[in-house]
């Protein structure tokens, strides 16, 4: 929940990450807990990949100020699979809780 809330807050301030000079290897459908309809899987992965970009920028900002990492965790394949499992459970119990598309303000590359 904190990932989604943080990303929504970032989007509400029109923070544009398209200008971030950061190369990431995005997570792809092979990390998902199970295959889902394309839109749902794509939206989930977009949120996860936006989170990776955002936390990398936060870490660099904190480090430049001599502070510890704001978000000292690494998003790896196992974590993404587990988060997707949780999202699948939420969607089964509350179908309207599907993750919405990532706002344009988060600046994910066009598909």
PDB file of N, CA and C in Angstrom:
ATOM      1  N   UNK A   1       0.823  -1.193   0.000  1.00  0.00           N
ATOM      2  CA  UNK A   1       0.000   0.000   0.000  1.00  0.00           C
ATOM      3  C   UNK A   1       0.866   1.256   0.000  1.00  0.00           C
ATOM      4  N   UNK A   2       2.013   1.200   0.695  1.00  0.00           N
ATOM      5  CA  UNK A   2       2.832   2.414   0.720  1.00  0.00           C
ATOM      6  C   UNK A   2       3.447   2.710  -0.647  1.00  0.00           C
ATOM      7  N   UNK A   3       3.697   1.696  -1.451  1.00  0.00           N
ATOM      8  CA  UNK A   3       4.213   1.941  -2.792  1.00  0.00           C
ATOM      9  C   UNK A   3       3.206   2.744  -3.597  1.00  0.00           C
ATOM     10  N   UNK A   4       1.977   2.263  -3.583  1.00  0.00           N
ATOM     11  CA  UNK A   4       0.929   2.909  -4.378  1.00  0.00           C
ATOM     12  C   UNK A   4       0.656   4.328  -3.878  1.00  0.00           C
ATOM     13  N   UNK A   5       0.558   4.495  -2.558  1.00  0.00           N
ATOM     14  CA  UNK A   5       0.289   5.823  -2.001  1.00  0.00           C
ATOM     15  C   UNK A   5       1.417   6.797  -2.322  1.00  0.00           C
ATOM     16  N   UNK A   6       2.649   6.336  -2.221  1.00  0.00           N
ATOM     17  CA  UNK A   6       3.792   7.199  -2.526  1.00  0.00           C
ATOM     18  C   UNK A   6       3.789   7.606  -3.992  1.00  0.00           C
ATOM     19  N   UNK A   7       3.552   6.648  -4.873  1.00  0.00           N
ATOM     20  CA  UNK A   7       3.535   6.965  -6.300  1.00  0.00           C
ATOM     21  C   UNK A   7       2.385   7.900  -6.661  1.00  0.00           C
ATOM     22  N   UNK A   8       1.255   7.752  -6.007  1.00  0.00           N
ATOM     23  CA  UNK A   8       0.137   8.662  -6.257  1.00  0.00           C
ATOM     24  C   UNK A   8       0.478  10.074  -5.779  1.00  0.00           C
ATOM     25  N   UNK A   9       1.175  10.166  -4.658  1.00  0.00           N
ATOM     26  CA  UNK A   9       1.588  11.478  -4.154  1.00  0.00           C
ATOM     27  C   UNK A   9       2.564  12.132  -5.124  1.00  0.00           C
ATOM     28  N   UNK A  10       3.542  11.372  -5.599  1.00  0.00           N
ATOM     29  CA  UNK A  10       4.509  11.889  -6.569  1.00  0.00           C
ATOM     30  C   UNK A  10       3.775  12.401  -7.808  1.00  0.00           C
ATOM     31  N   UNK A  11       2.836  11.628  -8.314  1.00  0.00           N
ATOM     32  CA  UNK A  11       2.082  12.035  -9.497  1.00  0.00           C
ATOM     33  C   UNK A  11       1.265  13.299  -9.226  1.00  0.00           C
ATOM     34  N   UNK A  12       0.737  13.432  -8.023  1.00  0.00           N
ATOM     35  CA  UNK A  12      -0.090  14.605  -7.712  1.00  0.00           C
ATOM     36  C   UNK A  12       0.724  15.905  -7.713  1.00  0.00           C
ATOM     37  N   UNK A  13       2.039  15.809  -7.540  1.00  0.00           N
ATOM     38  CA  UNK A  13       2.906  16.984  -7.599  1.00  0.00           C
ATOM     39  C   UNK A  13       3.532  17.176  -8.980  1.00  0.00           C
ATOM     40  N   UNK A  14       3.064  16.410  -9.945  1.00  0.00           N
ATOM     41  CA  UNK A  14       3.548  16.508 -11.326  1.00  0.00           C
ATOM     42  C   UNK A  14       5.061  16.335 -11.437  1.00  0.00           C
ATOM     43  N   UNK A  15       5.619  15.469 -10.615  1.00  0.00           N
ATOM     44  CA  UNK A  15       7.043  15.176 -10.711  1.00  0.00           C
ATOM     45  C   UNK A  15       7.259  14.331 -11.959  1.00  0.00           C
ATOM     46  N   UNK A  16       8.134  14.802 -12.810  1.00  0.00           N
ATOM     47  CA  UNK A  16       8.365  14.173 -14.110  1.00  0.00           C
ATOM     48  C   UNK A  16       9.666  13.389 -14.083  1.00  0.00           C
ATOM     49  N   UNK A  17       9.555  12.078 -14.077  1.00  0.00           N
ATOM     50  CA  UNK A  17      10.757  11.243 -14.047  1.00  0.00           C
ATOM     51  C   UNK A  17      11.273  10.915 -15.440  1.00  0.00           C
ATOM     52  N   UNK A  18      10.636  11.437 -16.477  1.00  0.00           N
ATOM     53  CA  UNK A  18      11.113  11.142 -17.835  1.00  0.00           C
ATOM     54  C   UNK A  18      12.480  11.760 -18.075  1.00  0.00           C
ATOM     55  N   UNK A  19      12.820  12.763 -17.300  1.00  0.00           N
ATOM     56  CA  UNK A  19      14.105  13.437 -17.475  1.00  0.00           C
ATOM     57  C   UNK A  19      15.199  12.830 -16.614  1.00  0.00           C
ATOM     58  N   UNK A  20      14.861  11.815 -15.847  1.00  0.00           N
ATOM     59  CA  UNK A  20      15.851  11.159 -14.994  1.00  0.00           C
ATOM     60  C   UNK A  20      16.801  10.360 -15.873  1.00  0.00           C
ATOM     61  N   UNK A  21      18.076  10.640 -15.720  1.00  0.00           N
ATOM     62  CA  UNK A  21      19.094   9.913 -16.486  1.00  0.00           C
ATOM     63  C   UNK A  21      19.490   8.687 -15.683  1.00  0.00           C
ATOM     64  N   UNK A  22      18.620   7.722 -15.729  1.00  0.00           N
ATOM     65  CA  UNK A  22      18.800   6.511 -14.944  1.00  0.00           C
ATOM     66  C   UNK A  22      18.436   5.321 -15.810  1.00  0.00           C
ATOM     67  N   UNK A  23      19.331   4.407 -15.909  1.00  0.00           N
ATOM     68  CA  UNK A  23      19.084   3.196 -16.671  1.00  0.00           C
ATOM     69  C   UNK A  23      18.679   2.093 -15.699  1.00  0.00           C
ATOM     70  N   UNK A  24      17.484   1.560 -15.868  1.00  0.00           N
ATOM     71  CA  UNK A  24      17.073   0.416 -15.060  1.00  0.00           C
ATOM     72  C   UNK A  24      16.716  -0.726 -16.009  1.00  0.00           C
ATOM     73  N   UNK A  25      16.825  -1.915 -15.481  1.00  0.00           N
ATOM     74  CA  UNK A  25      16.331  -3.073 -16.214  1.00  0.00           C
ATOM     75  C   UNK A  25      14.941  -3.334 -15.667  1.00  0.00           C
ATOM     76  N   UNK A  26      13.914  -3.025 -16.446  1.00  0.00           N
ATOM     77  CA  UNK A  26      12.557  -3.150 -15.910  1.00  0.00           C
ATOM     78  C   UNK A  26      12.165  -4.602 -15.665  1.00  0.00           C
ATOM     79  N   UNK A  27      11.318  -4.778 -14.678  1.00  0.00           N
ATOM     80  CA  UNK A  27      10.749  -6.100 -14.438  1.00  0.00           C
ATOM     81  C   UNK A  27       9.785  -6.418 -15.575  1.00  0.00           C
ATOM     82  N   UNK A  28       9.733  -7.672 -15.959  1.00  0.00           N
ATOM     83  CA  UNK A  28       8.912  -8.121 -17.080  1.00  0.00           C
ATOM     84  C   UNK A  28       7.930  -9.192 -16.591  1.00  0.00           C
ATOM     85  N   UNK A  29       6.974  -9.599 -17.428  1.00  0.00           N
ATOM     86  CA  UNK A  29       5.953 -10.551 -16.999  1.00  0.00           C
ATOM     87  C   UNK A  29       6.472 -11.880 -16.437  1.00  0.00           C
ATOM     88  N   UNK A  30       7.706 -12.235 -16.721  1.00  0.00           N
ATOM     89  CA  UNK A  30       8.221 -13.512 -16.200  1.00  0.00           C
ATOM     90  C   UNK A  30       8.369 -13.525 -14.684  1.00  0.00           C
ATOM     91  N   UNK A  31       8.304 -12.367 -14.015  1.00  0.00           N
ATOM     92  CA  UNK A  31       8.414 -12.334 -12.551  1.00  0.00           C
ATOM     93  C   UNK A  31       7.054 -12.448 -11.863  1.00  0.00           C
ATOM     94  N   UNK A  32       5.974 -12.388 -12.636  1.00  0.00           N
ATOM     95  CA  UNK A  32       4.634 -12.395 -12.047  1.00  0.00           C
ATOM     96  C   UNK A  32       4.320 -13.728 -11.374  1.00  0.00           C
ATOM     97  N   UNK A  33       3.510 -13.647 -10.328  1.00  0.00           N
ATOM     98  CA  UNK A  33       3.079 -14.840  -9.609  1.00  0.00           C
ATOM     99  C   UNK A  33       2.294 -15.762 -10.522  1.00  0.00           C
ATOM    100  N   UNK A  34       1.418 -15.173 -11.312  1.00  0.00           N
ATOM    101  CA  UNK A  34       0.661 -15.941 -12.306  1.00  0.00           C
ATOM    102  C   UNK A  34       0.284 -15.000 -13.440  1.00  0.00           C
ATOM    103  N   UNK A  35       0.016 -15.602 -14.559  1.00  0.00           N
ATOM    104  CA  UNK A  35      -0.364 -14.795 -15.720  1.00  0.00           C
ATOM    105  C   UNK A  35      -1.750 -14.213 -15.499  1.00  0.00           C
ATOM    106  N   UNK A  36      -1.926 -13.005 -15.917  1.00  0.00           N
ATOM    107  CA  UNK A  36      -3.192 -12.292 -15.780  1.00  0.00           C
ATOM    108  C   UNK A  36      -3.540 -11.651 -17.112  1.00  0.00           C
ATOM    109  N   UNK A  37      -4.733 -11.076 -17.174  1.00  0.00           N
ATOM    110  CA  UNK A  37      -5.031 -10.303 -18.382  1.00  0.00           C
ATOM    111  C   UNK A  37      -3.931  -9.267 -18.607  1.00  0.00           C
ATOM    112  N   UNK A  38      -3.619  -9.008 -19.840  1.00  0.00           N
ATOM    113  CA  UNK A  38      -2.488  -8.154 -20.191  1.00  0.00           C
ATOM    114  C   UNK A  38      -2.522  -6.798 -19.497  1.00  0.00           C
ATOM    115  N   UNK A  39      -3.680  -6.156 -19.456  1.00  0.00           N
ATOM    116  CA  UNK A  39      -3.763  -4.813 -18.866  1.00  0.00           C
ATOM    117  C   UNK A  39      -3.415  -4.841 -17.381  1.00  0.00           C
ATOM    118  N   UNK A  40      -3.930  -5.809 -16.659  1.00  0.00           N
ATOM    119  CA  UNK A  40      -3.672  -5.894 -15.227  1.00  0.00           C
ATOM    120  C   UNK A  40      -2.197  -6.149 -14.945  1.00  0.00           C
ATOM    121  N   UNK A  41      -1.600  -7.074 -15.684  1.00  0.00           N
ATOM    122  CA  UNK A  41      -0.183  -7.386 -15.503  1.00  0.00           C
ATOM    123  C   UNK A  41       0.675  -6.181 -15.870  1.00  0.00           C
ATOM    124  N   UNK A  42       0.359  -5.530 -16.969  1.00  0.00           N
ATOM    125  CA  UNK A  42       1.123  -4.354 -17.416  1.00  0.00           C
ATOM    126  C   UNK A  42       1.041  -3.235 -16.382  1.00  0.00           C
ATOM    127  N   UNK A  43      -0.162  -2.981 -15.859  1.00  0.00           N
ATOM    128  CA  UNK A  43      -0.321  -1.916 -14.863  1.00  0.00           C
ATOM    129  C   UNK A  43       0.483  -2.229 -13.604  1.00  0.00           C
ATOM    130  N   UNK A  44       0.435  -3.483 -13.161  1.00  0.00           N
ATOM    131  CA  UNK A  44       1.200  -3.875 -11.983  1.00  0.00           C
ATOM    132  C   UNK A  44       2.697  -3.644 -12.218  1.00  0.00           C
ATOM    133  N   UNK A  45       3.204  -4.110 -13.341  1.00  0.00           N
ATOM    134  CA  UNK A  45       4.632  -3.960 -13.633  1.00  0.00           C
ATOM    135  C   UNK A  45       5.022  -2.495 -13.821  1.00  0.00           C
ATOM    136  N   UNK A  46       4.148  -1.694 -14.388  1.00  0.00           N
ATOM    137  CA  UNK A  46       4.433  -0.266 -14.533  1.00  0.00           C
ATOM    138  C   UNK A  46       4.608   0.391 -13.166  1.00  0.00           C
ATOM    139  N   UNK A  47       3.723   0.041 -12.226  1.00  0.00           N
ATOM    140  CA  UNK A  47       3.836   0.602 -10.874  1.00  0.00           C
ATOM    141  C   UNK A  47       5.144   0.165 -10.222  1.00  0.00           C
ATOM    142  N   UNK A  48       5.477  -1.107 -10.340  1.00  0.00           N
ATOM    143  CA  UNK A  48       6.718  -1.612  -9.742  1.00  0.00           C
ATOM    144  C   UNK A  48       7.927  -0.915 -10.357  1.00  0.00           C
ATOM    145  N   UNK A  49       7.955  -0.802 -11.670  1.00  0.00           N
ATOM    146  CA  UNK A  49       9.094  -0.170 -12.331  1.00  0.00           C
ATOM    147  C   UNK A  49       9.171   1.323 -12.018  1.00  0.00           C
ATOM    148  N   UNK A  50       8.040   1.978 -11.865  1.00  0.00           N
ATOM    149  CA  UNK A  50       8.042   3.386 -11.449  1.00  0.00           C
ATOM    150  C   UNK A  50       8.615   3.511 -10.040  1.00  0.00           C
ATOM    151  N   UNK A  51       8.285   2.560  -9.182  1.00  0.00           N
ATOM    152  CA  UNK A  51       8.812   2.558  -7.817  1.00  0.00           C
ATOM    153  C   UNK A  51      10.334   2.425  -7.815  1.00  0.00           C
ATOM    154  N   UNK A  52      10.857   1.562  -8.667  1.00  0.00           N
ATOM    155  CA  UNK A  52      12.310   1.361  -8.746  1.00  0.00           C
ATOM    156  C   UNK A  52      12.997   2.674  -9.140  1.00  0.00           C
ATOM    157  N   UNK A  53      12.434   3.369 -10.122  1.00  0.00           N
ATOM    158  CA  UNK A  53      13.008   4.648 -10.541  1.00  0.00           C
ATOM    159  C   UNK A  53      12.934   5.664  -9.410  1.00  0.00           C
ATOM    160  N   UNK A  54      11.775   5.791  -8.801  1.00  0.00           N
ATOM    161  CA  UNK A  54      11.587   6.769  -7.733  1.00  0.00           C
ATOM    162  C   UNK A  54      12.535   6.512  -6.566  1.00  0.00           C
ATOM    163  N   UNK A  55      12.637   5.278  -6.114  1.00  0.00           N
ATOM    164  CA  UNK A  55      13.488   5.005  -4.948  1.00  0.00           C
ATOM    165  C   UNK A  55      14.966   5.199  -5.267  1.00  0.00           C
ATOM    166  N   UNK A  56      15.362   4.955  -6.509  1.00  0.00           N
ATOM    167  CA  UNK A  56      16.755   5.209  -6.887  1.00  0.00           C
ATOM    168  C   UNK A  56      17.064   6.701  -6.781  1.00  0.00           C
ATOM    169  N   UNK A  57      16.142   7.537  -7.234  1.00  0.00           N
ATOM    170  CA  UNK A  57      16.331   8.983  -7.135  1.00  0.00           C
ATOM    171  C   UNK A  57      16.335   9.418  -5.673  1.00  0.00           C
ATOM    172  N   UNK A  58      15.428   8.862  -4.864  1.00  0.00           N
ATOM    173  CA  UNK A  58      15.394   9.205  -3.442  1.00  0.00           C
ATOM    174  C   UNK A  58      16.704   8.838  -2.753  1.00  0.00           C
ATOM    175  N   UNK A  59      17.234   7.667  -3.065  1.00  0.00           N
ATOM    176  CA  UNK A  59      18.486   7.227  -2.452  1.00  0.00           C
ATOM    177  C   UNK A  59      19.635   8.159  -2.825  1.00  0.00           C
ATOM    178  N   UNK A  60      19.724   8.513  -4.094  1.00  0.00           N
ATOM    179  CA  UNK A  60      20.802   9.396  -4.522  1.00  0.00           C
ATOM    180  C   UNK A  60      20.684  10.770  -3.873  1.00  0.00           C
ATOM    181  N   UNK A  61      19.455  11.255  -3.739  1.00  0.00           N
ATOM    182  CA  UNK A  61      19.239  12.552  -3.097  1.00  0.00           C
ATOM    183  C   UNK A  61      19.666  12.504  -1.633  1.00  0.00           C
ATOM    184  N   UNK A  62      19.263  11.476  -0.916  1.00  0.00           N
ATOM    185  CA  UNK A  62      19.638  11.342   0.490  1.00  0.00           C
ATOM    186  C   UNK A  62      21.158  11.224   0.641  1.00  0.00           C
ATOM    187  N   UNK A  63      21.772  10.419  -0.221  1.00  0.00           N
ATOM    188  CA  UNK A  63      23.223  10.234  -0.149  1.00  0.00           C
ATOM    189  C   UNK A  63      23.958  11.543  -0.411  1.00  0.00           C
ATOM    190  N   UNK A  64      23.446  12.364  -1.326  1.00  0.00           N
ATOM    191  CA  UNK A  64      24.116  13.636  -1.626  1.00  0.00           C
ATOM    192  C   UNK A  64      24.046  14.587  -0.438  1.00  0.00           C
ATOM    193  N   UNK A  65      23.115  14.335   0.469  1.00  0.00           N
ATOM    194  CA  UNK A  65      22.986  15.140   1.680  1.00  0.00           C
ATOM    195  C   UNK A  65      23.658  14.468   2.875  1.00  0.00           C
ATOM    196  N   UNK A  66      24.371  13.371   2.615  1.00  0.00           N
ATOM    197  CA  UNK A  66      25.061  12.667   3.690  1.00  0.00           C
ATOM    198  C   UNK A  66      24.128  11.886   4.601  1.00  0.00           C
ATOM    199  N   UNK A  67      22.970  11.543   4.089  1.00  0.00           N
ATOM    200  CA  UNK A  67      21.967  10.839   4.880  1.00  0.00           C
ATOM    201  C   UNK A  67      21.868   9.383   4.430  1.00  0.00           C
ATOM    202  N   UNK A  68      21.343   8.519   5.304  1.00  0.00           N
ATOM    203  CA  UNK A  68      21.148   7.128   4.896  1.00  0.00           C
ATOM    204  C   UNK A  68      20.019   7.028   3.864  1.00  0.00           C
ATOM    205  N   UNK A  69      19.995   5.909   3.172  1.00  0.00           N
ATOM    206  CA  UNK A  69      18.954   5.693   2.168  1.00  0.00           C
ATOM    207  C   UNK A  69      17.563   5.823   2.771  1.00  0.00           C
ATOM    208  N   UNK A  70      16.708   6.549   2.084  1.00  0.00           N
ATOM    209  CA  UNK A  70      15.320   6.707   2.530  1.00  0.00           C
ATOM    210  C   UNK A  70      14.585   5.372   2.459  1.00  0.00           C
ATOM    211  N   UNK A  71      14.838   4.650   1.405  1.00  0.00           N
ATOM    212  CA  UNK A  71      14.204   3.349   1.208  1.00  0.00           C
ATOM    213  C   UNK A  71      15.340   2.348   0.985  1.00  0.00           C
ATOM    214  N   UNK A  72      15.840   1.740   2.076  1.00  0.00           N
ATOM    215  CA  UNK A  72      17.061   0.926   1.985  1.00  0.00           C
ATOM    216  C   UNK A  72      16.853  -0.507   1.497  1.00  0.00           C
ATOM    217  N   UNK A  73      15.825  -0.734   0.726  1.00  0.00           N
ATOM    218  CA  UNK A  73      15.528  -2.080   0.263  1.00  0.00           C
ATOM    219  C   UNK A  73      15.761  -2.182  -1.240  1.00  0.00           C
ATOM    220  N   UNK A  74      16.042  -3.384  -1.692  1.00  0.00           N
ATOM    221  CA  UNK A  74      16.216  -3.636  -3.116  1.00  0.00           C
ATOM    222  C   UNK A  74      15.027  -4.458  -3.596  1.00  0.00           C
ATOM    223  N   UNK A  75      14.422  -3.996  -4.654  1.00  0.00           N
ATOM    224  CA  UNK A  75      13.294  -4.717  -5.233  1.00  0.00           C
ATOM    225  C   UNK A  75      13.862  -5.802  -6.142  1.00  0.00           C
ATOM    226  N   UNK A  76      13.795  -7.050  -5.695  1.00  0.00           N
ATOM    227  CA  UNK A  76      14.304  -8.144  -6.527  1.00  0.00           C
ATOM    228  C   UNK A  76      13.139  -8.991  -7.038  1.00  0.00           C
ATOM    229  N   UNK A  77      13.472  -9.991  -7.843  1.00  0.00           N
ATOM    230  CA  UNK A  77      12.440 -10.823  -8.485  1.00  0.00           C
ATOM    231  C   UNK A  77      11.505 -11.469  -7.454  1.00  0.00           C
ATOM    232  N   UNK A  78      12.080 -12.026  -6.391  1.00  0.00           N
ATOM    233  CA  UNK A  78      11.259 -12.707  -5.385  1.00  0.00           C
ATOM    234  C   UNK A  78      10.279 -11.748  -4.722  1.00  0.00           C
ATOM    235  N   UNK A  79      10.726 -10.536  -4.453  1.00  0.00           N
ATOM    236  CA  UNK A  79       9.859  -9.535  -3.825  1.00  0.00           C
ATOM    237  C   UNK A  79       8.721  -9.153  -4.769  1.00  0.00           C
ATOM    238  N   UNK A  80       9.048  -8.943  -6.039  1.00  0.00           N
ATOM    239  CA  UNK A  80       8.020  -8.567  -7.016  1.00  0.00           C
ATOM    240  C   UNK A  80       7.002  -9.695  -7.176  1.00  0.00           C
ATOM    241  N   UNK A  81       7.466 -10.926  -7.208  1.00  0.00           N
ATOM    242  CA  UNK A  81       6.545 -12.070  -7.311  1.00  0.00           C
ATOM    243  C   UNK A  81       5.612 -12.102  -6.104  1.00  0.00           C
ATOM    244  N   UNK A  82       6.160 -11.875  -4.920  1.00  0.00           N
ATOM    245  CA  UNK A  82       5.336 -11.889  -3.700  1.00  0.00           C
ATOM    246  C   UNK A  82       4.327 -10.734  -3.709  1.00  0.00           C
ATOM    247  N   UNK A  83       4.769  -9.556  -4.117  1.00  0.00           N
ATOM    248  CA  UNK A  83       3.840  -8.425  -4.204  1.00  0.00           C
ATOM    249  C   UNK A  83       2.731  -8.699  -5.216  1.00  0.00           C
ATOM    250  N   UNK A  84       3.079  -9.371  -6.302  1.00  0.00           N
ATOM    251  CA  UNK A  84       2.067  -9.707  -7.294  1.00  0.00           C
ATOM    252  C   UNK A  84       1.083 -10.722  -6.726  1.00  0.00           C
ATOM    253  N   UNK A  85       1.573 -11.670  -5.951  1.00  0.00           N
ATOM    254  CA  UNK A  85       0.679 -12.627  -5.284  1.00  0.00           C
ATOM    255  C   UNK A  85      -0.336 -11.872  -4.425  1.00  0.00           C
ATOM    256  N   UNK A  86       0.143 -10.915  -3.643  1.00  0.00           N
ATOM    257  CA  UNK A  86      -0.758 -10.128  -2.786  1.00  0.00           C
ATOM    258  C   UNK A  86      -1.767  -9.376  -3.646  1.00  0.00           C
ATOM    259  N   UNK A  87      -1.308  -8.772  -4.745  1.00  0.00           N
ATOM    260  CA  UNK A  87      -2.225  -8.058  -5.627  1.00  0.00           C
ATOM    261  C   UNK A  87      -3.276  -9.001  -6.203  1.00  0.00           C
ATOM    262  N   UNK A  88      -2.872 -10.222  -6.572  1.00  0.00           N
ATOM    263  CA  UNK A  88      -3.834 -11.206  -7.104  1.00  0.00           C
ATOM    264  C   UNK A  88      -4.897 -11.549  -6.063  1.00  0.00           C
ATOM    265  N   UNK A  89      -4.481 -11.726  -4.817  1.00  0.00           N
ATOM    266  CA  UNK A  89      -5.432 -12.029  -3.746  1.00  0.00           C
ATOM    267  C   UNK A  89      -6.402 -10.871  -3.563  1.00  0.00           C
ATOM    268  N   UNK A  90      -5.872  -9.652  -3.544  1.00  0.00           N
ATOM    269  CA  UNK A  90      -6.729  -8.465  -3.386  1.00  0.00           C
ATOM    270  C   UNK A  90      -7.733  -8.384  -4.528  1.00  0.00           C
ATOM    271  N   UNK A  91      -7.274  -8.612  -5.753  1.00  0.00           N
ATOM    272  CA  UNK A  91      -8.175  -8.532  -6.912  1.00  0.00           C
ATOM    273  C   UNK A  91      -9.243  -9.615  -6.876  1.00  0.00           C
ATOM    274  N   UNK A  92      -8.916 -10.798  -6.357  1.00  0.00           N
ATOM    275  CA  UNK A  92      -9.920 -11.865  -6.263  1.00  0.00           C
ATOM    276  C   UNK A  92     -11.001 -11.523  -5.254  1.00  0.00           C
ATOM    277  N   UNK A  93     -10.609 -10.909  -4.148  1.00  0.00           N
ATOM    278  CA  UNK A  93     -11.568 -10.586  -3.093  1.00  0.00           C
ATOM    279  C   UNK A  93     -12.291  -9.272  -3.357  1.00  0.00           C
ATOM    280  N   UNK A  94     -11.655  -8.390  -4.091  1.00  0.00           N
ATOM    281  CA  UNK A  94     -12.260  -7.092  -4.400  1.00  0.00           C
ATOM    282  C   UNK A  94     -11.860  -6.706  -5.826  1.00  0.00           C
ATOM    283  N   UNK A  95     -12.593  -7.229  -6.821  1.00  0.00           N
ATOM    284  CA  UNK A  95     -12.205  -6.996  -8.217  1.00  0.00           C
ATOM    285  C   UNK A  95     -12.044  -5.520  -8.591  1.00  0.00           C
ATOM    286  N   UNK A  96     -12.746  -4.636  -7.915  1.00  0.00           N
ATOM    287  CA  UNK A  96     -12.633  -3.202  -8.216  1.00  0.00           C
ATOM    288  C   UNK A  96     -11.305  -2.623  -7.726  1.00  0.00           C
ATOM    289  N   UNK A  97     -10.507  -3.407  -6.985  1.00  0.00           N
ATOM    290  CA  UNK A  97      -9.244  -2.925  -6.432  1.00  0.00           C
ATOM    291  C   UNK A  97      -8.073  -3.104  -7.393  1.00  0.00           C
ATOM    292  N   UNK A  98      -8.366  -3.360  -8.652  1.00  0.00           N
ATOM    293  CA  UNK A  98      -7.302  -3.532  -9.643  1.00  0.00           C
ATOM    294  C   UNK A  98      -6.446  -2.279  -9.701  1.00  0.00           C
ATOM    295  N   UNK A  99      -5.166  -2.455  -9.895  1.00  0.00           N
ATOM    296  CA  UNK A  99      -4.250  -1.326  -9.992  1.00  0.00           C
ATOM    297  C   UNK A  99      -4.566  -0.530 -11.252  1.00  0.00           C
ATOM    298  N   UNK A 100      -4.694   0.761 -11.063  1.00  0.00           N
ATOM    299  CA  UNK A 100      -4.974   1.645 -12.192  1.00  0.00           C
ATOM    300  C   UNK A 100      -3.695   1.883 -12.989  1.00  0.00           C
ATOM    301  N   UNK A 101      -3.817   2.296 -14.234  1.00  0.00           N
ATOM    302  CA  UNK A 101      -2.618   2.617 -15.012  1.00  0.00           C
ATOM    303  C   UNK A 101      -1.771   3.682 -14.316  1.00  0.00           C
ATOM    304  N   UNK A 102      -0.487   3.649 -14.559  1.00  0.00           N
ATOM    305  CA  UNK A 102       0.422   4.629 -13.976  1.00  0.00           C
ATOM    306  C   UNK A 102       0.130   5.996 -14.582  1.00  0.00           C
ATOM    307  N   UNK A 103       0.023   7.023 -13.734  1.00  0.00           N
ATOM    308  CA  UNK A 103      -0.206   8.369 -14.277  1.00  0.00           C
ATOM    309  C   UNK A 103       0.943   8.798 -15.183  1.00  0.00           C
ATOM    310  N   UNK A 104       0.637   9.563 -16.213  1.00  0.00           N
ATOM    311  CA  UNK A 104       1.654  10.037 -17.147  1.00  0.00           C
ATOM    312  C   UNK A 104       2.760  10.814 -16.443  1.00  0.00           C
ATOM    313  N   UNK A 105       2.422  11.482 -15.332  1.00  0.00           N
ATOM    314  CA  UNK A 105       3.400  12.297 -14.631  1.00  0.00           C
ATOM    315  C   UNK A 105       4.581  11.483 -14.110  1.00  0.00           C
ATOM    316  N   UNK A 106       4.386  10.179 -13.937  1.00  0.00           N
ATOM    317  CA  UNK A 106       5.494   9.362 -13.429  1.00  0.00           C
ATOM    318  C   UNK A 106       6.521   9.085 -14.515  1.00  0.00           C
ATOM    319  N   UNK A 107       6.169   9.379 -15.743  1.00  0.00           N
ATOM    320  CA  UNK A 107       7.152   9.390 -16.807  1.00  0.00           C
ATOM    321  C   UNK A 107       7.695   8.048 -17.231  1.00  0.00           C
ATOM    322  N   UNK A 108       6.907   7.016 -17.196  1.00  0.00           N
ATOM    323  CA  UNK A 108       7.406   5.743 -17.682  1.00  0.00           C
ATOM    324  C   UNK A 108       7.525   5.782 -19.199  1.00  0.00           C
ATOM    325  N   UNK A 109       8.498   5.093 -19.728  1.00  0.00           N
ATOM    326  CA  UNK A 109       8.659   5.078 -21.185  1.00  0.00           C
ATOM    327  C   UNK A 109       7.398   4.573 -21.877  1.00  0.00           C
ATOM    328  N   UNK A 110       7.126   5.105 -23.035  1.00  0.00           N
ATOM    329  CA  UNK A 110       5.951   4.666 -23.798  1.00  0.00           C
ATOM    330  C   UNK A 110       6.140   3.224 -24.241  1.00  0.00           C
ATOM    331  N   UNK A 111       5.036   2.483 -24.254  1.00  0.00           N
ATOM    332  CA  UNK A 111       5.090   1.083 -24.678  1.00  0.00           C
ATOM    333  C   UNK A 111       4.904   0.996 -26.170  1.00  0.00           C
TER     334      UNK A 111
END
